[in-house]
């Protein structure tokens, strides 16, 4: 990641080339705080405790915006967070 002062301003590719931009979105899931920590940026973990369930494959025939591999469903929720 490239910086302009305290702000991210682009990325450096493995080839050594740089891509500059007006905004940078770091989307590394739960690894995001570790990725930006190398730049001296501290992001506290604000992720709620949650659960991810993957179902068994089923010939369900449903169409999804983002289908899960193998005719499975990936379901998540945090309704039980207060009980943990």
PDB file of N, CA and C in Angstrom:
ATOM      1  N   UNK A   1       0.839  -1.161   0.000  1.00  0.00           N
ATOM      2  CA  UNK A   1       0.000   0.000   0.000  1.00  0.00           C
ATOM      3  C   UNK A   1       0.894   1.238   0.000  1.00  0.00           C
ATOM      4  N   UNK A   2       0.507   2.225  -0.748  1.00  0.00           N
ATOM      5  CA  UNK A   2       1.234   3.496  -0.792  1.00  0.00           C
ATOM      6  C   UNK A   2       0.539   4.491   0.121  1.00  0.00           C
ATOM      7  N   UNK A   3       1.314   5.377   0.698  1.00  0.00           N
ATOM      8  CA  UNK A   3       0.755   6.378   1.608  1.00  0.00           C
ATOM      9  C   UNK A   3       1.101   7.773   1.145  1.00  0.00           C
ATOM     10  N   UNK A   4       0.178   8.688   1.403  1.00  0.00           N
ATOM     11  CA  UNK A   4       0.393  10.110   1.199  1.00  0.00           C
ATOM     12  C   UNK A   4       0.143  10.748   2.558  1.00  0.00           C
ATOM     13  N   UNK A   5       1.207  10.907   3.327  1.00  0.00           N
ATOM     14  CA  UNK A   5       1.031  11.360   4.704  1.00  0.00           C
ATOM     15  C   UNK A   5       0.398  10.247   5.503  1.00  0.00           C
ATOM     16  N   UNK A   6      -0.722  10.546   6.146  1.00  0.00           N
ATOM     17  CA  UNK A   6      -1.378   9.523   6.961  1.00  0.00           C
ATOM     18  C   UNK A   6      -2.459   8.763   6.200  1.00  0.00           C
ATOM     19  N   UNK A   7      -2.624   9.035   4.916  1.00  0.00           N
ATOM     20  CA  UNK A   7      -3.680   8.406   4.134  1.00  0.00           C
ATOM     21  C   UNK A   7      -3.126   7.421   3.112  1.00  0.00           C
ATOM     22  N   UNK A   8      -3.870   6.334   2.885  1.00  0.00           N
ATOM     23  CA  UNK A   8      -3.526   5.396   1.828  1.00  0.00           C
ATOM     24  C   UNK A   8      -3.796   6.079   0.497  1.00  0.00           C
ATOM     25  N   UNK A   9      -2.885   5.920  -0.446  1.00  0.00           N
ATOM     26  CA  UNK A   9      -3.040   6.615  -1.730  1.00  0.00           C
ATOM     27  C   UNK A   9      -2.879   5.688  -2.937  1.00  0.00           C
ATOM     28  N   UNK A  10      -2.753   4.384  -2.705  1.00  0.00           N
ATOM     29  CA  UNK A  10      -2.612   3.454  -3.807  1.00  0.00           C
ATOM     30  C   UNK A  10      -1.958   2.172  -3.368  1.00  0.00           C
ATOM     31  N   UNK A  11      -1.567   1.376  -4.354  1.00  0.00           N
ATOM     32  CA  UNK A  11      -0.911   0.096  -4.078  1.00  0.00           C
ATOM     33  C   UNK A  11       0.313  -0.055  -4.975  1.00  0.00           C
ATOM     34  N   UNK A  12       1.273  -0.822  -4.468  1.00  0.00           N
ATOM     35  CA  UNK A  12       2.436  -1.189  -5.275  1.00  0.00           C
ATOM     36  C   UNK A  12       2.255  -2.649  -5.655  1.00  0.00           C
ATOM     37  N   UNK A  13       2.309  -2.926  -6.940  1.00  0.00           N
ATOM     38  CA  UNK A  13       2.122  -4.274  -7.448  1.00  0.00           C
ATOM     39  C   UNK A  13       3.388  -5.091  -7.298  1.00  0.00           C
ATOM     40  N   UNK A  14       3.260  -6.416  -7.394  1.00  0.00           N
ATOM     41  CA  UNK A  14       4.420  -7.304  -7.295  1.00  0.00           C
ATOM     42  C   UNK A  14       5.454  -6.975  -8.361  1.00  0.00           C
ATOM     43  N   UNK A  15       5.007  -6.423  -9.491  1.00  0.00           N
ATOM     44  CA  UNK A  15       5.928  -6.047 -10.573  1.00  0.00           C
ATOM     45  C   UNK A  15       6.766  -4.817 -10.225  1.00  0.00           C
ATOM     46  N   UNK A  16       6.361  -4.115  -9.147  1.00  0.00           N
ATOM     47  CA  UNK A  16       7.040  -2.871  -8.778  1.00  0.00           C
ATOM     48  C   UNK A  16       6.300  -1.639  -9.261  1.00  0.00           C
ATOM     49  N   UNK A  17       5.354  -1.810 -10.178  1.00  0.00           N
ATOM     50  CA  UNK A  17       4.541  -0.678 -10.649  1.00  0.00           C
ATOM     51  C   UNK A  17       3.629  -0.192  -9.536  1.00  0.00           C
ATOM     52  N   UNK A  18       3.257   1.087  -9.600  1.00  0.00           N
ATOM     53  CA  UNK A  18       2.360   1.677  -8.616  1.00  0.00           C
ATOM     54  C   UNK A  18       1.052   2.091  -9.269  1.00  0.00           C
ATOM     55  N   UNK A  19      -0.024   1.897  -8.538  1.00  0.00           N
ATOM     56  CA  UNK A  19      -1.339   2.384  -8.949  1.00  0.00           C
ATOM     57  C   UNK A  19      -1.800   3.384  -7.892  1.00  0.00           C
ATOM     58  N   UNK A  20      -1.987   4.641  -8.296  1.00  0.00           N
ATOM     59  CA  UNK A  20      -2.437   5.685  -7.372  1.00  0.00           C
ATOM     60  C   UNK A  20      -3.936   5.875  -7.503  1.00  0.00           C
ATOM     61  N   UNK A  21      -4.576   6.248  -6.412  1.00  0.00           N
ATOM     62  CA  UNK A  21      -6.018   6.445  -6.405  1.00  0.00           C
ATOM     63  C   UNK A  21      -6.398   7.494  -5.370  1.00  0.00           C
ATOM     64  N   UNK A  22      -7.647   7.960  -5.436  1.00  0.00           N
ATOM     65  CA  UNK A  22      -8.141   8.924  -4.451  1.00  0.00           C
ATOM     66  C   UNK A  22      -8.603   8.237  -3.175  1.00  0.00           C
ATOM     67  N   UNK A  23      -8.943   6.949  -3.264  1.00  0.00           N
ATOM     68  CA  UNK A  23      -9.429   6.208  -2.100  1.00  0.00           C
ATOM     69  C   UNK A  23      -8.957   4.766  -2.196  1.00  0.00           C
ATOM     70  N   UNK A  24      -8.710   4.156  -1.043  1.00  0.00           N
ATOM     71  CA  UNK A  24      -8.277   2.766  -0.979  1.00  0.00           C
ATOM     72  C   UNK A  24      -9.192   2.034  -0.013  1.00  0.00           C
ATOM     73  N   UNK A  25      -9.677   0.883  -0.431  1.00  0.00           N
ATOM     74  CA  UNK A  25     -10.482   0.023   0.424  1.00  0.00           C
ATOM     75  C   UNK A  25      -9.675  -1.238   0.683  1.00  0.00           C
ATOM     76  N   UNK A  26      -9.364  -1.493   1.937  1.00  0.00           N
ATOM     77  CA  UNK A  26      -8.648  -2.714   2.302  1.00  0.00           C
ATOM     78  C   UNK A  26      -9.708  -3.715   2.742  1.00  0.00           C
ATOM     79  N   UNK A  27      -9.875  -4.778   1.990  1.00  0.00           N
ATOM     80  CA  UNK A  27     -10.907  -5.772   2.266  1.00  0.00           C
ATOM     81  C   UNK A  27     -10.269  -7.143   2.411  1.00  0.00           C
ATOM     82  N   UNK A  28      -9.666  -7.371   3.554  1.00  0.00           N
ATOM     83  CA  UNK A  28      -8.975  -8.633   3.811  1.00  0.00           C
ATOM     84  C   UNK A  28      -9.688  -9.424   4.898  1.00  0.00           C
ATOM     85  N   UNK A  29     -10.952  -9.122   5.114  1.00  0.00           N
ATOM     86  CA  UNK A  29     -11.705  -9.827   6.148  1.00  0.00           C
ATOM     87  C   UNK A  29     -11.064  -9.628   7.505  1.00  0.00           C
ATOM     88  N   UNK A  30     -11.013 -10.689   8.303  1.00  0.00           N
ATOM     89  CA  UNK A  30     -10.456 -10.556   9.649  1.00  0.00           C
ATOM     90  C   UNK A  30      -8.964 -10.258   9.668  1.00  0.00           C
ATOM     91  N   UNK A  31      -8.282 -10.383   8.519  1.00  0.00           N
ATOM     92  CA  UNK A  31      -6.848 -10.100   8.454  1.00  0.00           C
ATOM     93  C   UNK A  31      -6.564  -8.616   8.227  1.00  0.00           C
ATOM     94  N   UNK A  32      -7.587  -7.795   7.990  1.00  0.00           N
ATOM     95  CA  UNK A  32      -7.371  -6.382   7.681  1.00  0.00           C
ATOM     96  C   UNK A  32      -6.532  -5.660   8.733  1.00  0.00           C
ATOM     97  N   UNK A  33      -6.825  -5.791  10.047  1.00  0.00           N
ATOM     98  CA  UNK A  33      -5.977  -5.096  11.031  1.00  0.00           C
ATOM     99  C   UNK A  33      -4.506  -5.484  10.921  1.00  0.00           C
ATOM    100  N   UNK A  34      -4.215  -6.753  10.660  1.00  0.00           N
ATOM    101  CA  UNK A  34      -2.815  -7.196  10.525  1.00  0.00           C
ATOM    102  C   UNK A  34      -2.177  -6.635   9.261  1.00  0.00           C
ATOM    103  N   UNK A  35      -2.944  -6.541   8.169  1.00  0.00           N
ATOM    104  CA  UNK A  35      -2.406  -6.023   6.907  1.00  0.00           C
ATOM    105  C   UNK A  35      -2.023  -4.560   7.051  1.00  0.00           C
ATOM    106  N   UNK A  36      -2.890  -3.749   7.647  1.00  0.00           N
ATOM    107  CA  UNK A  36      -2.586  -2.322   7.757  1.00  0.00           C
ATOM    108  C   UNK A  36      -1.640  -2.011   8.914  1.00  0.00           C
ATOM    109  N   UNK A  37      -1.477  -2.951   9.848  1.00  0.00           N
ATOM    110  CA  UNK A  37      -0.546  -2.737  10.965  1.00  0.00           C
ATOM    111  C   UNK A  37       0.879  -2.571  10.461  1.00  0.00           C
ATOM    112  N   UNK A  38       1.210  -3.209   9.334  1.00  0.00           N
ATOM    113  CA  UNK A  38       2.556  -3.082   8.781  1.00  0.00           C
ATOM    114  C   UNK A  38       2.839  -1.650   8.328  1.00  0.00           C
ATOM    115  N   UNK A  39       1.787  -0.852   8.190  1.00  0.00           N
ATOM    116  CA  UNK A  39       1.932   0.554   7.807  1.00  0.00           C
ATOM    117  C   UNK A  39       1.858   1.484   9.009  1.00  0.00           C
ATOM    118  N   UNK A  40       1.781   0.895  10.192  1.00  0.00           N
ATOM    119  CA  UNK A  40       1.677   1.705  11.397  1.00  0.00           C
ATOM    120  C   UNK A  40       0.263   2.185  11.662  1.00  0.00           C
ATOM    121  N   UNK A  41      -0.722   1.544  11.054  1.00  0.00           N
ATOM    122  CA  UNK A  41      -2.124   1.916  11.231  1.00  0.00           C
ATOM    123  C   UNK A  41      -2.774   0.893  12.151  1.00  0.00           C
ATOM    124  N   UNK A  42      -3.395   1.360  13.219  1.00  0.00           N
ATOM    125  CA  UNK A  42      -4.052   0.458  14.167  1.00  0.00           C
ATOM    126  C   UNK A  42      -5.564   0.529  13.972  1.00  0.00           C
ATOM    127  N   UNK A  43      -6.152  -0.611  13.650  1.00  0.00           N
ATOM    128  CA  UNK A  43      -7.607  -0.726  13.547  1.00  0.00           C
ATOM    129  C   UNK A  43      -8.042  -1.728  14.601  1.00  0.00           C
ATOM    130  N   UNK A  44      -8.822  -1.285  15.590  1.00  0.00           N
ATOM    131  CA  UNK A  44      -9.283  -2.246  16.592  1.00  0.00           C
ATOM    132  C   UNK A  44     -10.262  -3.240  15.977  1.00  0.00           C
ATOM    133  N   UNK A  45     -10.298  -4.429  16.530  1.00  0.00           N
ATOM    134  CA  UNK A  45     -11.211  -5.448  16.032  1.00  0.00           C
ATOM    135  C   UNK A  45     -12.623  -5.081  16.454  1.00  0.00           C
ATOM    136  N   UNK A  46     -13.454  -4.710  15.482  1.00  0.00           N
ATOM    137  CA  UNK A  46     -14.842  -4.358  15.760  1.00  0.00           C
ATOM    138  C   UNK A  46     -15.807  -5.404  15.270  1.00  0.00           C
ATOM    139  N   UNK A  47     -15.284  -6.573  14.888  1.00  0.00           N
ATOM    140  CA  UNK A  47     -16.141  -7.617  14.355  1.00  0.00           C
ATOM    141  C   UNK A  47     -16.950  -8.268  15.472  1.00  0.00           C
ATOM    142  N   UNK A  48     -18.252  -8.424  15.252  1.00  0.00           N
ATOM    143  CA  UNK A  48     -19.043  -9.126  16.260  1.00  0.00           C
ATOM    144  C   UNK A  48     -18.738 -10.617  16.215  1.00  0.00           C
ATOM    145  N   UNK A  49     -18.942 -11.270  17.335  1.00  0.00           N
ATOM    146  CA  UNK A  49     -18.837 -12.716  17.346  1.00  0.00           C
ATOM    147  C   UNK A  49     -19.971 -13.231  16.480  1.00  0.00           C
ATOM    148  N   UNK A  50     -19.689 -14.124  15.582  1.00  0.00           N
ATOM    149  CA  UNK A  50     -20.741 -14.662  14.719  1.00  0.00           C
ATOM    150  C   UNK A  50     -20.391 -16.082  14.321  1.00  0.00           C
ATOM    151  N   UNK A  51     -21.297 -16.717  13.633  1.00  0.00           N
ATOM    152  CA  UNK A  51     -21.117 -18.100  13.248  1.00  0.00           C
ATOM    153  C   UNK A  51     -21.386 -18.221  11.748  1.00  0.00           C
ATOM    154  N   UNK A  52     -20.593 -19.041  11.086  1.00  0.00           N
ATOM    155  CA  UNK A  52     -20.797 -19.325   9.672  1.00  0.00           C
ATOM    156  C   UNK A  52     -21.101 -20.813   9.545  1.00  0.00           C
ATOM    157  N   UNK A  53     -22.216 -21.118   8.920  1.00  0.00           N
ATOM    158  CA  UNK A  53     -22.628 -22.506   8.714  1.00  0.00           C
ATOM    159  C   UNK A  53     -22.615 -22.786   7.220  1.00  0.00           C
ATOM    160  N   UNK A  54     -21.960 -23.869   6.819  1.00  0.00           N
ATOM    161  CA  UNK A  54     -21.991 -24.328   5.433  1.00  0.00           C
ATOM    162  C   UNK A  54     -22.868 -25.569   5.383  1.00  0.00           C
ATOM    163  N   UNK A  55     -23.865 -25.550   4.519  1.00  0.00           N
ATOM    164  CA  UNK A  55     -24.784 -26.678   4.425  1.00  0.00           C
ATOM    165  C   UNK A  55     -24.206 -27.777   3.547  1.00  0.00           C
ATOM    166  N   UNK A  56     -24.815 -28.936   3.624  1.00  0.00           N
ATOM    167  CA  UNK A  56     -24.467 -30.038   2.728  1.00  0.00           C
ATOM    168  C   UNK A  56     -24.945 -29.673   1.327  1.00  0.00           C
ATOM    169  N   UNK A  57     -24.302 -30.210   0.292  1.00  0.00           N
ATOM    170  CA  UNK A  57     -24.758 -29.934  -1.073  1.00  0.00           C
ATOM    171  C   UNK A  57     -26.193 -30.405  -1.279  1.00  0.00           C
ATOM    172  N   UNK A  58     -26.931 -29.638  -2.061  1.00  0.00           N
ATOM    173  CA  UNK A  58     -28.318 -29.975  -2.347  1.00  0.00           C
ATOM    174  C   UNK A  58     -28.671 -29.392  -3.710  1.00  0.00           C
ATOM    175  N   UNK A  59     -29.391 -30.139  -4.495  1.00  0.00           N
ATOM    176  CA  UNK A  59     -29.839 -29.653  -5.803  1.00  0.00           C
ATOM    177  C   UNK A  59     -31.061 -28.760  -5.591  1.00  0.00           C
ATOM    178  N   UNK A  60     -30.850 -27.589  -5.048  1.00  0.00           N
ATOM    179  CA  UNK A  60     -31.945 -26.711  -4.646  1.00  0.00           C
ATOM    180  C   UNK A  60     -32.510 -25.894  -5.792  1.00  0.00           C
ATOM    181  N   UNK A  61     -31.753 -25.635  -6.831  1.00  0.00           N
ATOM    182  CA  UNK A  61     -32.253 -24.892  -7.983  1.00  0.00           C
ATOM    183  C   UNK A  61     -32.432 -23.404  -7.758  1.00  0.00           C
ATOM    184  N   UNK A  62     -32.040 -22.888  -6.615  1.00  0.00           N
ATOM    185  CA  UNK A  62     -32.175 -21.456  -6.336  1.00  0.00           C
ATOM    186  C   UNK A  62     -31.048 -20.687  -7.013  1.00  0.00           C
ATOM    187  N   UNK A  63     -31.323 -19.473  -7.403  1.00  0.00           N
ATOM    188  CA  UNK A  63     -30.312 -18.593  -7.979  1.00  0.00           C
ATOM    189  C   UNK A  63     -29.913 -17.592  -6.902  1.00  0.00           C
ATOM    190  N   UNK A  64     -28.618 -17.354  -6.763  1.00  0.00           N
ATOM    191  CA  UNK A  64     -28.119 -16.433  -5.749  1.00  0.00           C
ATOM    192  C   UNK A  64     -27.290 -15.346  -6.411  1.00  0.00           C
ATOM    193  N   UNK A  65     -27.216 -14.179  -5.748  1.00  0.00           N
ATOM    194  CA  UNK A  65     -26.370 -13.106  -6.237  1.00  0.00           C
ATOM    195  C   UNK A  65     -24.918 -13.572  -6.245  1.00  0.00           C
ATOM    196  N   UNK A  66     -24.528 -14.257  -5.189  1.00  0.00           N
ATOM    197  CA  UNK A  66     -23.170 -14.806  -5.088  1.00  0.00           C
ATOM    198  C   UNK A  66     -23.280 -16.273  -4.694  1.00  0.00           C
ATOM    199  N   UNK A  67     -23.354 -17.178  -5.665  1.00  0.00           N
ATOM    200  CA  UNK A  67     -23.543 -18.590  -5.348  1.00  0.00           C
ATOM    201  C   UNK A  67     -22.360 -19.160  -4.574  1.00  0.00           C
ATOM    202  N   UNK A  68     -22.657 -20.104  -3.688  1.00  0.00           N
ATOM    203  CA  UNK A  68     -21.619 -20.789  -2.934  1.00  0.00           C
ATOM    204  C   UNK A  68     -21.235 -22.066  -3.697  1.00  0.00           C
ATOM    205  N   UNK A  69     -19.967 -22.461  -3.685  1.00  0.00           N
ATOM    206  CA  UNK A  69     -19.528 -23.634  -4.459  1.00  0.00           C
ATOM    207  C   UNK A  69     -20.270 -24.910  -4.068  1.00  0.00           C
ATOM    208  N   UNK A  70     -20.478 -25.766  -5.040  1.00  0.00           N
ATOM    209  CA  UNK A  70     -21.005 -27.101  -4.797  1.00  0.00           C
ATOM    210  C   UNK A  70     -22.460 -27.167  -4.395  1.00  0.00           C
ATOM    211  N   UNK A  71     -23.278 -26.204  -4.834  1.00  0.00           N
ATOM    212  CA  UNK A  71     -24.701 -26.185  -4.467  1.00  0.00           C
ATOM    213  C   UNK A  71     -24.922 -26.168  -2.959  1.00  0.00           C
ATOM    214  N   UNK A  72     -24.054 -25.485  -2.232  1.00  0.00           N
ATOM    215  CA  UNK A  72     -24.209 -25.340  -0.782  1.00  0.00           C
ATOM    216  C   UNK A  72     -24.653 -23.922  -0.469  1.00  0.00           C
ATOM    217  N   UNK A  73     -25.068 -23.708   0.766  1.00  0.00           N
ATOM    218  CA  UNK A  73     -25.382 -22.372   1.257  1.00  0.00           C
ATOM    219  C   UNK A  73     -24.385 -22.009   2.348  1.00  0.00           C
ATOM    220  N   UNK A  74     -23.976 -20.764   2.404  1.00  0.00           N
ATOM    221  CA  UNK A  74     -23.172 -20.238   3.500  1.00  0.00           C
ATOM    222  C   UNK A  74     -24.079 -19.267   4.247  1.00  0.00           C
ATOM    223  N   UNK A  75     -24.389 -19.580   5.487  1.00  0.00           N
ATOM    224  CA  UNK A  75     -25.328 -18.805   6.287  1.00  0.00           C
ATOM    225  C   UNK A  75     -24.604 -18.245   7.502  1.00  0.00           C
ATOM    226  N   UNK A  76     -24.829 -16.985   7.787  1.00  0.00           N
ATOM    227  CA  UNK A  76     -24.234 -16.427   8.998  1.00  0.00           C
ATOM    228  C   UNK A  76     -25.246 -15.560   9.717  1.00  0.00           C
ATOM    229  N   UNK A  77     -25.013 -15.415  11.008  1.00  0.00           N
ATOM    230  CA  UNK A  77     -25.882 -14.574  11.816  1.00  0.00           C
ATOM    231  C   UNK A  77     -25.198 -14.314  13.140  1.00  0.00           C
ATOM    232  N   UNK A  78     -25.636 -13.287  13.834  1.00  0.00           N
ATOM    233  CA  UNK A  78     -25.056 -12.972  15.141  1.00  0.00           C
ATOM    234  C   UNK A  78     -26.142 -12.804  16.207  1.00  0.00           C
ATOM    235  N   UNK A  79     -27.321 -13.405  15.985  1.00  0.00           N
ATOM    236  CA  UNK A  79     -28.436 -13.235  16.908  1.00  0.00           C
ATOM    237  C   UNK A  79     -28.122 -13.745  18.307  1.00  0.00           C
ATOM    238  N   UNK A  80     -27.175 -14.646  18.447  1.00  0.00           N
ATOM    239  CA  UNK A  80     -26.848 -15.277  19.720  1.00  0.00           C
ATOM    240  C   UNK A  80     -25.655 -14.606  20.413  1.00  0.00           C
ATOM    241  N   UNK A  81     -25.149 -13.523  19.841  1.00  0.00           N
ATOM    242  CA  UNK A  81     -23.928 -12.885  20.344  1.00  0.00           C
ATOM    243  C   UNK A  81     -24.017 -12.547  21.834  1.00  0.00           C
ATOM    244  N   UNK A  82     -25.160 -12.038  22.274  1.00  0.00           N
ATOM    245  CA  UNK A  82     -25.298 -11.641  23.683  1.00  0.00           C
ATOM    246  C   UNK A  82     -25.250 -12.837  24.630  1.00  0.00           C
ATOM    247  N   UNK A  83     -25.468 -14.054  24.134  1.00  0.00           N
ATOM    248  CA  UNK A  83     -25.466 -15.248  24.971  1.00  0.00           C
ATOM    249  C   UNK A  83     -24.083 -15.873  25.121  1.00  0.00           C
ATOM    250  N   UNK A  84     -23.107 -15.364  24.373  1.00  0.00           N
ATOM    251  CA  UNK A  84     -21.763 -15.950  24.424  1.00  0.00           C
ATOM    252  C   UNK A  84     -20.934 -15.263  25.488  1.00  0.00           C
TER     253      UNK A  84
END
